[in-house]
Amino acid sequence: MKNTIKTLTLVALVAIITLSFTKIVTEKKIIKTENSTVVWKGYKVTGSHEGTINLKSGSLNFEENALSGGEFVIDMTTIVNTDMEGEYKGKLEGHLKSDDFFGIENFPSSTLVFTSVNAKGKNSYVVTGDLTIKGKTNPITFEISIYGNKATASLKIDRTKYDIKYGSSNFFDDLKDKAIYDEFDLVVDLQF
């Protein structure tokens, strides 16, 4: 009986020591910004506009091959319109970069830092993160899918939470067909 207790104690002790020195494999994968795209789409009463914006940097963290975190820096100075040409394209881009919208002179970057990641399926995750635009930080929740060395996500962002109120019918009366909807979309394709 004493030998059995000693053996069980020894096995338990070895198991505890082994588990305490077992390391969870964590890997930080750097985003290839030149191969990744971020497409924005904004909506107004009379239609919509879309364009692109570049990532300055980004990474996704994995533990045991499952997504566990991430962070991104968006270069707001690169925002461009892709559905117009000529003078009106330039005017829209200038307006988006102005203080009415993203104020790139004072806020050249925006950031997204994952705060929680929950598996939804084999390659799908629900992410909550802190999104900072124009110096204002708010939580945002979205889904991201990962296949091999690629990830895709779609985010719906309420611009008024970041003090971007220009043309919002929630803040200005009598805008009629000049109203711009508060939410805009980002469609993100990442390679790492």
N, C-alpha and C. Protein backbone atom coordinates (compact mmCIF):
# COMPACT_ATOMS: atom_id res chain seq x y z
N MET A 1 0.82 -1.19 0.00
CA MET A 1 0.00 0.00 0.00
C MET A 1 0.87 1.26 0.00
N LYS A 2 1.93 1.25 0.83
CA LYS A 2 2.83 2.39 0.89
C LYS A 2 3.50 2.61 -0.46
N ASN A 3 3.88 1.53 -1.13
CA ASN A 3 4.52 1.64 -2.44
C ASN A 3 3.56 2.22 -3.47
N THR A 4 2.30 1.86 -3.42
CA THR A 4 1.29 2.39 -4.35
C THR A 4 1.11 3.88 -4.14
N ILE A 5 1.04 4.31 -2.90
CA ILE A 5 0.89 5.74 -2.59
C ILE A 5 2.12 6.50 -3.06
N LYS A 6 3.31 5.93 -2.81
CA LYS A 6 4.54 6.58 -3.25
C LYS A 6 4.57 6.68 -4.77
N THR A 7 4.18 5.62 -5.45
CA THR A 7 4.18 5.60 -6.91
C THR A 7 3.20 6.63 -7.45
N LEU A 8 1.99 6.68 -6.90
CA LEU A 8 0.99 7.66 -7.35
C LEU A 8 1.46 9.09 -7.08
N THR A 9 2.08 9.32 -5.95
CA THR A 9 2.61 10.63 -5.62
C THR A 9 3.71 11.02 -6.60
N LEU A 10 4.59 10.08 -6.92
CA LEU A 10 5.66 10.35 -7.86
C LEU A 10 5.11 10.64 -9.25
N VAL A 11 4.12 9.88 -9.70
CA VAL A 11 3.49 10.10 -11.01
C VAL A 11 2.84 11.48 -11.04
N ALA A 12 2.12 11.83 -9.98
CA ALA A 12 1.47 13.14 -9.92
C ALA A 12 2.50 14.26 -9.96
N LEU A 13 3.58 14.09 -9.23
CA LEU A 13 4.64 15.09 -9.19
C LEU A 13 5.29 15.26 -10.56
N VAL A 14 5.58 14.17 -11.24
CA VAL A 14 6.16 14.22 -12.59
C VAL A 14 5.19 14.89 -13.55
N ALA A 15 3.90 14.57 -13.45
CA ALA A 15 2.90 15.18 -14.33
C ALA A 15 2.82 16.69 -14.10
N ILE A 16 2.83 17.12 -12.85
CA ILE A 16 2.76 18.55 -12.54
C ILE A 16 4.00 19.27 -13.07
N ILE A 17 5.16 18.70 -12.85
CA ILE A 17 6.40 19.32 -13.33
C ILE A 17 6.41 19.38 -14.86
N THR A 18 6.00 18.31 -15.51
CA THR A 18 5.97 18.27 -16.98
C THR A 18 5.02 19.33 -17.53
N LEU A 19 3.83 19.43 -16.95
CA LEU A 19 2.85 20.40 -17.43
C LEU A 19 3.31 21.84 -17.17
N SER A 20 3.99 22.06 -16.07
CA SER A 20 4.42 23.43 -15.77
C SER A 20 5.54 23.88 -16.70
N PHE A 21 6.26 22.95 -17.30
CA PHE A 21 7.33 23.32 -18.23
C PHE A 21 6.92 23.15 -19.69
N THR A 22 5.69 22.71 -19.94
CA THR A 22 5.21 22.58 -21.30
C THR A 22 4.85 23.97 -21.81
N LYS A 23 5.41 24.32 -22.92
CA LYS A 23 5.24 25.66 -23.47
C LYS A 23 4.17 25.64 -24.56
N ILE A 24 3.24 26.61 -24.48
CA ILE A 24 2.26 26.76 -25.53
C ILE A 24 2.97 27.43 -26.70
N VAL A 25 2.80 26.86 -27.88
CA VAL A 25 3.47 27.39 -29.06
C VAL A 25 2.72 28.62 -29.55
N THR A 26 3.39 29.77 -29.46
CA THR A 26 2.80 31.02 -29.93
C THR A 26 3.61 31.52 -31.12
N GLU A 27 2.89 32.06 -32.08
CA GLU A 27 3.56 32.53 -33.27
C GLU A 27 2.93 33.85 -33.70
N LYS A 28 3.79 34.83 -33.97
CA LYS A 28 3.35 36.12 -34.47
C LYS A 28 3.64 36.16 -35.96
N LYS A 29 2.58 36.30 -36.76
CA LYS A 29 2.75 36.34 -38.21
C LYS A 29 2.58 37.77 -38.69
N ILE A 30 3.61 38.27 -39.35
CA ILE A 30 3.63 39.65 -39.84
C ILE A 30 2.84 39.73 -41.15
N ILE A 31 1.98 40.74 -41.25
CA ILE A 31 1.17 40.94 -42.45
C ILE A 31 2.04 41.51 -43.56
N LYS A 32 1.91 40.95 -44.74
CA LYS A 32 2.59 41.47 -45.93
C LYS A 32 1.72 42.62 -46.46
N THR A 33 2.03 43.83 -46.03
CA THR A 33 1.18 44.98 -46.34
C THR A 33 1.07 45.24 -47.84
N GLU A 34 2.14 44.98 -48.58
CA GLU A 34 2.11 45.23 -50.03
C GLU A 34 1.20 44.26 -50.77
N ASN A 35 0.87 43.12 -50.18
CA ASN A 35 -0.01 42.13 -50.81
C ASN A 35 -1.41 42.11 -50.19
N SER A 36 -1.65 42.97 -49.22
CA SER A 36 -2.93 43.01 -48.52
C SER A 36 -3.73 44.22 -48.98
N THR A 37 -5.07 44.13 -48.91
CA THR A 37 -5.91 45.25 -49.33
C THR A 37 -6.96 45.57 -48.28
N VAL A 38 -7.26 46.86 -48.19
CA VAL A 38 -8.36 47.34 -47.36
C VAL A 38 -9.22 48.21 -48.27
N VAL A 39 -10.45 47.79 -48.50
CA VAL A 39 -11.39 48.52 -49.35
C VAL A 39 -12.45 49.14 -48.45
N TRP A 40 -12.68 50.44 -48.62
CA TRP A 40 -13.74 51.12 -47.86
C TRP A 40 -14.91 51.43 -48.78
N LYS A 41 -16.09 51.50 -48.18
CA LYS A 41 -17.28 51.90 -48.94
C LYS A 41 -18.17 52.73 -48.02
N GLY A 42 -18.45 53.96 -48.46
CA GLY A 42 -19.31 54.87 -47.71
C GLY A 42 -20.60 55.08 -48.47
N TYR A 43 -21.67 55.31 -47.74
CA TYR A 43 -23.00 55.40 -48.35
C TYR A 43 -23.64 56.75 -48.07
N LYS A 44 -24.38 57.24 -49.05
CA LYS A 44 -25.15 58.46 -48.90
C LYS A 44 -26.53 58.21 -49.50
N VAL A 45 -27.43 59.15 -49.30
CA VAL A 45 -28.81 58.98 -49.77
C VAL A 45 -28.84 58.72 -51.27
N THR A 46 -27.97 59.39 -52.02
CA THR A 46 -28.01 59.29 -53.49
C THR A 46 -27.06 58.24 -54.07
N GLY A 47 -26.44 57.41 -53.23
CA GLY A 47 -25.54 56.40 -53.77
C GLY A 47 -24.43 56.03 -52.80
N SER A 48 -23.26 55.78 -53.34
CA SER A 48 -22.13 55.38 -52.50
C SER A 48 -20.82 55.73 -53.20
N HIS A 49 -19.75 55.67 -52.43
CA HIS A 49 -18.41 55.82 -52.97
C HIS A 49 -17.53 54.76 -52.33
N GLU A 50 -16.49 54.36 -53.04
CA GLU A 50 -15.56 53.39 -52.47
C GLU A 50 -14.14 53.70 -52.89
N GLY A 51 -13.23 53.06 -52.17
CA GLY A 51 -11.83 53.27 -52.46
C GLY A 51 -10.97 52.33 -51.63
N THR A 52 -9.72 52.69 -51.49
CA THR A 52 -8.80 51.84 -50.74
C THR A 52 -8.02 52.69 -49.73
N ILE A 53 -7.41 51.99 -48.82
CA ILE A 53 -6.54 52.60 -47.82
C ILE A 53 -5.47 51.56 -47.49
N ASN A 54 -4.25 52.00 -47.22
CA ASN A 54 -3.15 51.06 -47.01
C ASN A 54 -2.90 50.77 -45.54
N LEU A 55 -2.47 49.56 -45.30
CA LEU A 55 -1.97 49.21 -43.97
C LEU A 55 -0.53 49.67 -43.86
N LYS A 56 -0.19 50.25 -42.73
CA LYS A 56 1.20 50.63 -42.46
C LYS A 56 1.94 49.42 -41.90
N SER A 57 1.26 48.68 -41.02
CA SER A 57 1.84 47.47 -40.44
C SER A 57 0.71 46.63 -39.84
N GLY A 58 1.03 45.38 -39.56
CA GLY A 58 0.04 44.52 -38.93
C GLY A 58 0.61 43.15 -38.61
N SER A 59 -0.04 42.50 -37.68
CA SER A 59 0.36 41.13 -37.33
C SER A 59 -0.83 40.38 -36.76
N LEU A 60 -0.80 39.07 -36.90
CA LEU A 60 -1.78 38.18 -36.29
C LEU A 60 -1.02 37.23 -35.39
N ASN A 61 -1.56 36.98 -34.21
CA ASN A 61 -0.94 36.06 -33.26
C ASN A 61 -1.71 34.75 -33.23
N PHE A 62 -0.98 33.66 -33.16
CA PHE A 62 -1.58 32.33 -33.12
C PHE A 62 -1.02 31.55 -31.93
N GLU A 63 -1.90 30.80 -31.25
CA GLU A 63 -1.47 29.86 -30.21
C GLU A 63 -1.97 28.49 -30.63
N GLU A 64 -1.04 27.55 -30.73
CA GLU A 64 -1.39 26.20 -31.17
C GLU A 64 -2.20 26.25 -32.47
N ASN A 65 -1.77 27.09 -33.42
CA ASN A 65 -2.38 27.26 -34.75
C ASN A 65 -3.76 27.88 -34.73
N ALA A 66 -4.22 28.41 -33.59
CA ALA A 66 -5.51 29.09 -33.52
C ALA A 66 -5.26 30.59 -33.31
N LEU A 67 -6.03 31.42 -33.99
CA LEU A 67 -5.89 32.86 -33.85
C LEU A 67 -6.10 33.27 -32.39
N SER A 68 -5.19 34.09 -31.86
CA SER A 68 -5.31 34.51 -30.47
C SER A 68 -5.19 36.03 -30.30
N GLY A 69 -4.78 36.75 -31.34
CA GLY A 69 -4.65 38.20 -31.21
C GLY A 69 -4.19 38.83 -32.51
N GLY A 70 -4.08 40.13 -32.48
CA GLY A 70 -3.62 40.85 -33.66
C GLY A 70 -3.62 42.34 -33.42
N GLU A 71 -2.86 43.04 -34.23
CA GLU A 71 -2.89 44.49 -34.18
C GLU A 71 -2.46 45.06 -35.52
N PHE A 72 -3.05 46.22 -35.85
CA PHE A 72 -2.85 46.82 -37.15
C PHE A 72 -2.72 48.32 -37.02
N VAL A 73 -1.91 48.91 -37.92
CA VAL A 73 -1.81 50.36 -38.04
C VAL A 73 -2.21 50.69 -39.48
N ILE A 74 -3.19 51.59 -39.63
CA ILE A 74 -3.69 51.98 -40.94
C ILE A 74 -3.13 53.36 -41.27
N ASP A 75 -2.59 53.52 -42.47
CA ASP A 75 -2.02 54.78 -42.92
C ASP A 75 -3.14 55.63 -43.53
N MET A 76 -3.71 56.52 -42.74
CA MET A 76 -4.85 57.32 -43.17
C MET A 76 -4.49 58.27 -44.31
N THR A 77 -3.22 58.58 -44.48
CA THR A 77 -2.81 59.49 -45.55
C THR A 77 -2.96 58.87 -46.93
N THR A 78 -3.17 57.55 -46.98
CA THR A 78 -3.25 56.85 -48.27
C THR A 78 -4.68 56.65 -48.76
N ILE A 79 -5.66 57.21 -48.07
CA ILE A 79 -7.05 56.99 -48.47
C ILE A 79 -7.29 57.58 -49.87
N VAL A 80 -7.81 56.74 -50.76
CA VAL A 80 -8.11 57.18 -52.13
C VAL A 80 -9.49 56.67 -52.53
N ASN A 81 -10.05 57.34 -53.51
CA ASN A 81 -11.34 56.98 -54.09
C ASN A 81 -11.06 56.22 -55.39
N THR A 82 -11.82 55.14 -55.62
CA THR A 82 -11.59 54.35 -56.84
C THR A 82 -12.78 54.33 -57.79
N ASP A 83 -13.88 55.01 -57.45
CA ASP A 83 -15.05 54.96 -58.34
C ASP A 83 -15.28 56.27 -59.10
N MET A 84 -14.34 57.20 -58.97
CA MET A 84 -14.46 58.48 -59.68
C MET A 84 -13.12 58.79 -60.35
N GLU A 85 -13.15 59.78 -61.24
CA GLU A 85 -11.93 60.23 -61.89
C GLU A 85 -11.90 61.75 -61.94
N GLY A 86 -10.74 62.28 -62.20
CA GLY A 86 -10.60 63.71 -62.44
C GLY A 86 -10.82 64.59 -61.22
N GLU A 87 -11.40 65.76 -61.50
CA GLU A 87 -11.58 66.79 -60.48
C GLU A 87 -12.38 66.31 -59.27
N TYR A 88 -13.47 65.58 -59.50
CA TYR A 88 -14.33 65.17 -58.39
C TYR A 88 -13.67 64.10 -57.53
N LYS A 89 -12.86 63.27 -58.13
CA LYS A 89 -12.07 62.29 -57.38
C LYS A 89 -11.14 63.03 -56.41
N GLY A 90 -10.42 64.02 -56.92
CA GLY A 90 -9.50 64.81 -56.10
C GLY A 90 -10.21 65.56 -54.99
N LYS A 91 -11.38 66.12 -55.31
CA LYS A 91 -12.15 66.85 -54.30
C LYS A 91 -12.60 65.91 -53.17
N LEU A 92 -13.11 64.73 -53.54
CA LEU A 92 -13.57 63.78 -52.52
C LEU A 92 -12.40 63.33 -51.66
N GLU A 93 -11.28 62.99 -52.27
CA GLU A 93 -10.12 62.54 -51.50
C GLU A 93 -9.64 63.64 -50.54
N GLY A 94 -9.60 64.88 -51.03
CA GLY A 94 -9.21 66.00 -50.18
C GLY A 94 -10.17 66.18 -49.01
N HIS A 95 -11.47 66.03 -49.28
CA HIS A 95 -12.47 66.18 -48.23
C HIS A 95 -12.34 65.05 -47.20
N LEU A 96 -12.11 63.83 -47.65
CA LEU A 96 -11.95 62.70 -46.72
C LEU A 96 -10.73 62.90 -45.82
N LYS A 97 -9.69 63.55 -46.33
CA LYS A 97 -8.47 63.78 -45.56
C LYS A 97 -8.58 65.00 -44.65
N SER A 98 -9.61 65.81 -44.86
CA SER A 98 -9.79 67.05 -44.08
C SER A 98 -10.35 66.74 -42.69
N ASP A 99 -10.43 67.78 -41.87
CA ASP A 99 -10.96 67.64 -40.51
C ASP A 99 -12.44 67.27 -40.50
N ASP A 100 -13.18 67.52 -41.59
CA ASP A 100 -14.58 67.10 -41.66
C ASP A 100 -14.70 65.59 -41.53
N PHE A 101 -13.67 64.87 -42.01
CA PHE A 101 -13.69 63.41 -41.95
C PHE A 101 -12.53 62.91 -41.10
N PHE A 102 -11.43 62.49 -41.70
CA PHE A 102 -10.39 61.78 -40.94
C PHE A 102 -9.25 62.65 -40.43
N GLY A 103 -9.18 63.91 -40.81
CA GLY A 103 -8.20 64.85 -40.27
C GLY A 103 -6.78 64.32 -40.25
N ILE A 104 -6.30 63.91 -41.42
CA ILE A 104 -5.00 63.21 -41.49
C ILE A 104 -3.82 64.05 -41.06
N GLU A 105 -3.96 65.37 -41.08
CA GLU A 105 -2.84 66.21 -40.66
C GLU A 105 -2.53 65.98 -39.18
N ASN A 106 -3.58 65.86 -38.38
CA ASN A 106 -3.41 65.62 -36.94
C ASN A 106 -3.46 64.14 -36.58
N PHE A 107 -4.09 63.33 -37.42
CA PHE A 107 -4.27 61.91 -37.13
C PHE A 107 -3.89 61.07 -38.35
N PRO A 108 -2.60 60.97 -38.66
CA PRO A 108 -2.16 60.26 -39.87
C PRO A 108 -2.34 58.74 -39.80
N SER A 109 -2.58 58.21 -38.61
CA SER A 109 -2.74 56.75 -38.46
C SER A 109 -3.97 56.42 -37.63
N SER A 110 -4.54 55.27 -37.89
CA SER A 110 -5.58 54.67 -37.06
C SER A 110 -5.07 53.29 -36.65
N THR A 111 -5.60 52.75 -35.56
CA THR A 111 -5.13 51.44 -35.10
C THR A 111 -6.30 50.53 -34.74
N LEU A 112 -6.03 49.25 -34.83
CA LEU A 112 -6.96 48.22 -34.38
C LEU A 112 -6.14 47.21 -33.58
N VAL A 113 -6.54 46.99 -32.32
CA VAL A 113 -5.86 46.03 -31.46
C VAL A 113 -6.90 45.03 -30.96
N PHE A 114 -6.69 43.75 -31.26
CA PHE A 114 -7.62 42.71 -30.80
C PHE A 114 -7.57 42.62 -29.28
N THR A 115 -8.75 42.54 -28.66
CA THR A 115 -8.82 42.37 -27.20
C THR A 115 -9.35 41.00 -26.82
N SER A 116 -10.12 40.36 -27.70
CA SER A 116 -10.56 38.98 -27.46
C SER A 116 -10.84 38.29 -28.79
N VAL A 117 -10.55 37.00 -28.82
CA VAL A 117 -10.76 36.19 -30.02
C VAL A 117 -11.44 34.90 -29.60
N ASN A 118 -12.57 34.59 -30.24
CA ASN A 118 -13.29 33.35 -29.94
C ASN A 118 -13.54 32.58 -31.22
N ALA A 119 -13.21 31.30 -31.19
CA ALA A 119 -13.43 30.45 -32.36
C ALA A 119 -14.92 30.31 -32.62
N LYS A 120 -15.30 30.45 -33.89
CA LYS A 120 -16.70 30.29 -34.28
C LYS A 120 -16.87 29.00 -35.09
N GLY A 121 -15.83 28.59 -35.74
CA GLY A 121 -15.83 27.39 -36.56
C GLY A 121 -14.40 26.99 -36.83
N LYS A 122 -14.21 26.10 -37.79
CA LYS A 122 -12.86 25.61 -38.07
C LYS A 122 -11.89 26.73 -38.43
N ASN A 123 -12.28 27.62 -39.32
CA ASN A 123 -11.40 28.70 -39.77
C ASN A 123 -11.97 30.09 -39.48
N SER A 124 -12.99 30.15 -38.65
CA SER A 124 -13.70 31.40 -38.43
C SER A 124 -13.63 31.80 -36.96
N TYR A 125 -13.48 33.11 -36.74
CA TYR A 125 -13.35 33.64 -35.38
C TYR A 125 -14.20 34.90 -35.24
N VAL A 126 -14.69 35.13 -34.03
CA VAL A 126 -15.33 36.39 -33.69
C VAL A 126 -14.31 37.19 -32.88
N VAL A 127 -14.00 38.37 -33.36
CA VAL A 127 -12.96 39.21 -32.75
C VAL A 127 -13.60 40.47 -32.18
N THR A 128 -13.19 40.83 -31.00
CA THR A 128 -13.50 42.15 -30.45
C THR A 128 -12.18 42.88 -30.32
N GLY A 129 -12.18 44.13 -30.73
CA GLY A 129 -10.95 44.89 -30.68
C GLY A 129 -11.21 46.34 -30.36
N ASP A 130 -10.15 47.05 -30.06
CA ASP A 130 -10.22 48.49 -29.84
C ASP A 130 -9.78 49.18 -31.12
N LEU A 131 -10.72 49.91 -31.73
CA LEU A 131 -10.44 50.65 -32.95
C LEU A 131 -10.27 52.12 -32.58
N THR A 132 -9.14 52.70 -33.00
CA THR A 132 -8.86 54.11 -32.73
C THR A 132 -8.80 54.86 -34.05
N ILE A 133 -9.68 55.87 -34.18
CA ILE A 133 -9.71 56.76 -35.33
C ILE A 133 -9.80 58.18 -34.78
N LYS A 134 -9.00 59.08 -35.31
CA LYS A 134 -8.98 60.48 -34.86
C LYS A 134 -8.78 60.59 -33.35
N GLY A 135 -7.96 59.70 -32.79
CA GLY A 135 -7.65 59.75 -31.37
C GLY A 135 -8.75 59.23 -30.46
N LYS A 136 -9.84 58.75 -31.01
CA LYS A 136 -10.95 58.21 -30.21
C LYS A 136 -10.97 56.69 -30.35
N THR A 137 -11.10 55.99 -29.22
CA THR A 137 -11.07 54.53 -29.22
C THR A 137 -12.43 53.99 -28.80
N ASN A 138 -12.92 53.04 -29.59
CA ASN A 138 -14.18 52.36 -29.29
C ASN A 138 -14.04 50.88 -29.60
N PRO A 139 -14.78 50.04 -28.87
CA PRO A 139 -14.75 48.61 -29.18
C PRO A 139 -15.51 48.32 -30.46
N ILE A 140 -15.06 47.30 -31.17
CA ILE A 140 -15.73 46.86 -32.39
C ILE A 140 -15.65 45.34 -32.44
N THR A 141 -16.72 44.71 -32.90
CA THR A 141 -16.76 43.25 -33.02
C THR A 141 -17.02 42.88 -34.47
N PHE A 142 -16.28 41.89 -34.96
CA PHE A 142 -16.41 41.47 -36.35
C PHE A 142 -15.94 40.02 -36.47
N GLU A 143 -16.20 39.43 -37.63
CA GLU A 143 -15.75 38.06 -37.91
C GLU A 143 -14.54 38.10 -38.85
N ILE A 144 -13.64 37.16 -38.63
CA ILE A 144 -12.47 37.01 -39.50
C ILE A 144 -12.33 35.54 -39.85
N SER A 145 -12.01 35.27 -41.09
CA SER A 145 -11.79 33.90 -41.56
C SER A 145 -10.34 33.77 -41.98
N ILE A 146 -9.75 32.62 -41.65
CA ILE A 146 -8.34 32.39 -41.96
C ILE A 146 -8.20 31.08 -42.73
N TYR A 147 -7.53 31.17 -43.88
CA TYR A 147 -7.27 30.00 -44.72
C TYR A 147 -5.82 30.04 -45.14
N GLY A 148 -5.03 29.12 -44.63
CA GLY A 148 -3.60 29.10 -44.97
C GLY A 148 -2.92 30.36 -44.51
N ASN A 149 -2.33 31.11 -45.46
CA ASN A 149 -1.64 32.35 -45.12
C ASN A 149 -2.45 33.59 -45.51
N LYS A 150 -3.78 33.42 -45.54
CA LYS A 150 -4.68 34.53 -45.89
C LYS A 150 -5.77 34.67 -44.85
N ALA A 151 -6.22 35.91 -44.66
CA ALA A 151 -7.33 36.19 -43.75
C ALA A 151 -8.24 37.23 -44.40
N THR A 152 -9.54 37.10 -44.16
CA THR A 152 -10.50 38.07 -44.67
C THR A 152 -11.43 38.50 -43.54
N ALA A 153 -11.84 39.75 -43.58
CA ALA A 153 -12.76 40.27 -42.58
C ALA A 153 -13.57 41.40 -43.19
N SER A 154 -14.77 41.59 -42.67
CA SER A 154 -15.62 42.72 -43.04
C SER A 154 -16.02 43.43 -41.76
N LEU A 155 -15.82 44.74 -41.74
CA LEU A 155 -16.15 45.54 -40.57
C LEU A 155 -17.14 46.61 -40.96
N LYS A 156 -18.10 46.87 -40.09
CA LYS A 156 -19.05 47.95 -40.25
C LYS A 156 -18.74 48.94 -39.13
N ILE A 157 -18.41 50.18 -39.51
CA ILE A 157 -17.94 51.17 -38.54
C ILE A 157 -18.89 52.37 -38.52
N ASP A 158 -19.32 52.75 -37.32
CA ASP A 158 -20.12 53.95 -37.13
C ASP A 158 -19.16 55.13 -36.95
N ARG A 159 -19.04 55.94 -37.98
CA ARG A 159 -18.07 57.03 -37.99
C ARG A 159 -18.33 58.08 -36.91
N THR A 160 -19.61 58.22 -36.49
CA THR A 160 -19.93 59.26 -35.51
C THR A 160 -19.34 58.95 -34.14
N LYS A 161 -19.00 57.70 -33.87
CA LYS A 161 -18.34 57.35 -32.61
C LYS A 161 -16.92 57.89 -32.55
N TYR A 162 -16.41 58.32 -33.71
CA TYR A 162 -15.04 58.84 -33.81
C TYR A 162 -15.05 60.33 -34.14
N ASP A 163 -16.17 60.97 -33.82
CA ASP A 163 -16.33 62.41 -34.01
C ASP A 163 -16.26 62.81 -35.48
N ILE A 164 -16.76 61.93 -36.36
CA ILE A 164 -16.85 62.24 -37.79
C ILE A 164 -18.35 62.40 -38.08
N LYS A 165 -18.81 63.63 -37.95
CA LYS A 165 -20.25 63.89 -38.01
C LYS A 165 -20.70 64.59 -39.28
N TYR A 166 -19.77 64.95 -40.15
CA TYR A 166 -20.11 65.70 -41.35
C TYR A 166 -21.20 64.98 -42.15
N GLY A 167 -22.27 65.69 -42.47
CA GLY A 167 -23.34 65.15 -43.30
C GLY A 167 -24.21 64.11 -42.63
N SER A 168 -24.10 63.94 -41.32
CA SER A 168 -24.90 62.95 -40.61
C SER A 168 -26.26 63.53 -40.27
N SER A 169 -27.32 62.85 -40.68
CA SER A 169 -28.67 63.33 -40.38
C SER A 169 -29.00 63.19 -38.89
N ASN A 170 -28.18 62.49 -38.14
CA ASN A 170 -28.37 62.40 -36.69
C ASN A 170 -27.88 63.66 -35.98
N PHE A 171 -27.11 64.50 -36.68
CA PHE A 171 -26.55 65.70 -36.06
C PHE A 171 -26.96 66.99 -36.77
N PHE A 172 -27.40 66.87 -38.05
CA PHE A 172 -27.75 68.06 -38.81
C PHE A 172 -29.13 67.87 -39.43
N ASP A 173 -29.96 68.92 -39.36
CA ASP A 173 -31.30 68.89 -39.94
C ASP A 173 -31.26 69.37 -41.39
N ASP A 174 -32.29 69.05 -42.12
CA ASP A 174 -32.50 69.54 -43.49
C ASP A 174 -31.40 69.19 -44.48
N LEU A 175 -30.77 68.04 -44.32
CA LEU A 175 -29.73 67.62 -45.27
C LEU A 175 -30.33 67.04 -46.55
N LYS A 176 -31.52 66.49 -46.43
CA LYS A 176 -32.24 65.88 -47.54
C LYS A 176 -31.33 64.91 -48.30
N ASP A 177 -31.13 65.12 -49.61
CA ASP A 177 -30.33 64.16 -50.38
C ASP A 177 -28.82 64.38 -50.23
N LYS A 178 -28.40 65.28 -49.35
CA LYS A 178 -26.98 65.50 -49.06
C LYS A 178 -26.51 64.67 -47.86
N ALA A 179 -27.44 63.94 -47.24
CA ALA A 179 -27.10 63.16 -46.04
C ALA A 179 -26.15 62.01 -46.38
N ILE A 180 -25.21 61.79 -45.48
CA ILE A 180 -24.26 60.68 -45.60
C ILE A 180 -24.54 59.73 -44.43
N TYR A 181 -24.69 58.46 -44.71
CA TYR A 181 -25.00 57.51 -43.64
C TYR A 181 -23.84 57.39 -42.66
N ASP A 182 -24.19 57.11 -41.42
CA ASP A 182 -23.18 57.07 -40.36
C ASP A 182 -22.23 55.89 -40.48
N GLU A 183 -22.72 54.76 -40.98
CA GLU A 183 -21.88 53.57 -41.06
C GLU A 183 -21.19 53.46 -42.41
N PHE A 184 -19.94 53.03 -42.36
CA PHE A 184 -19.22 52.70 -43.59
C PHE A 184 -18.61 51.31 -43.42
N ASP A 185 -18.27 50.68 -44.53
CA ASP A 185 -17.76 49.31 -44.51
C ASP A 185 -16.27 49.28 -44.84
N LEU A 186 -15.58 48.33 -44.23
CA LEU A 186 -14.21 47.98 -44.61
C LEU A 186 -14.20 46.50 -44.94
N VAL A 187 -13.65 46.16 -46.09
CA VAL A 187 -13.45 44.77 -46.47
C VAL A 187 -11.94 44.56 -46.56
N VAL A 188 -11.44 43.64 -45.74
CA VAL A 188 -10.00 43.48 -45.57
C VAL A 188 -9.57 42.10 -46.05
N ASP A 189 -8.56 42.07 -46.92
CA ASP A 189 -7.92 40.83 -47.37
C ASP A 189 -6.46 40.91 -46.97
N LEU A 190 -6.05 40.00 -46.11
CA LEU A 190 -4.69 40.02 -45.58
C LEU A 190 -3.90 38.83 -46.08
N GLN A 191 -2.60 39.04 -46.29
CA GLN A 191 -1.67 37.95 -46.55
C GLN A 191 -0.54 38.05 -45.54
N PHE A 192 -0.13 36.89 -45.05
CA PHE A 192 0.97 36.87 -44.07
C PHE A 192 1.90 35.71 -44.36
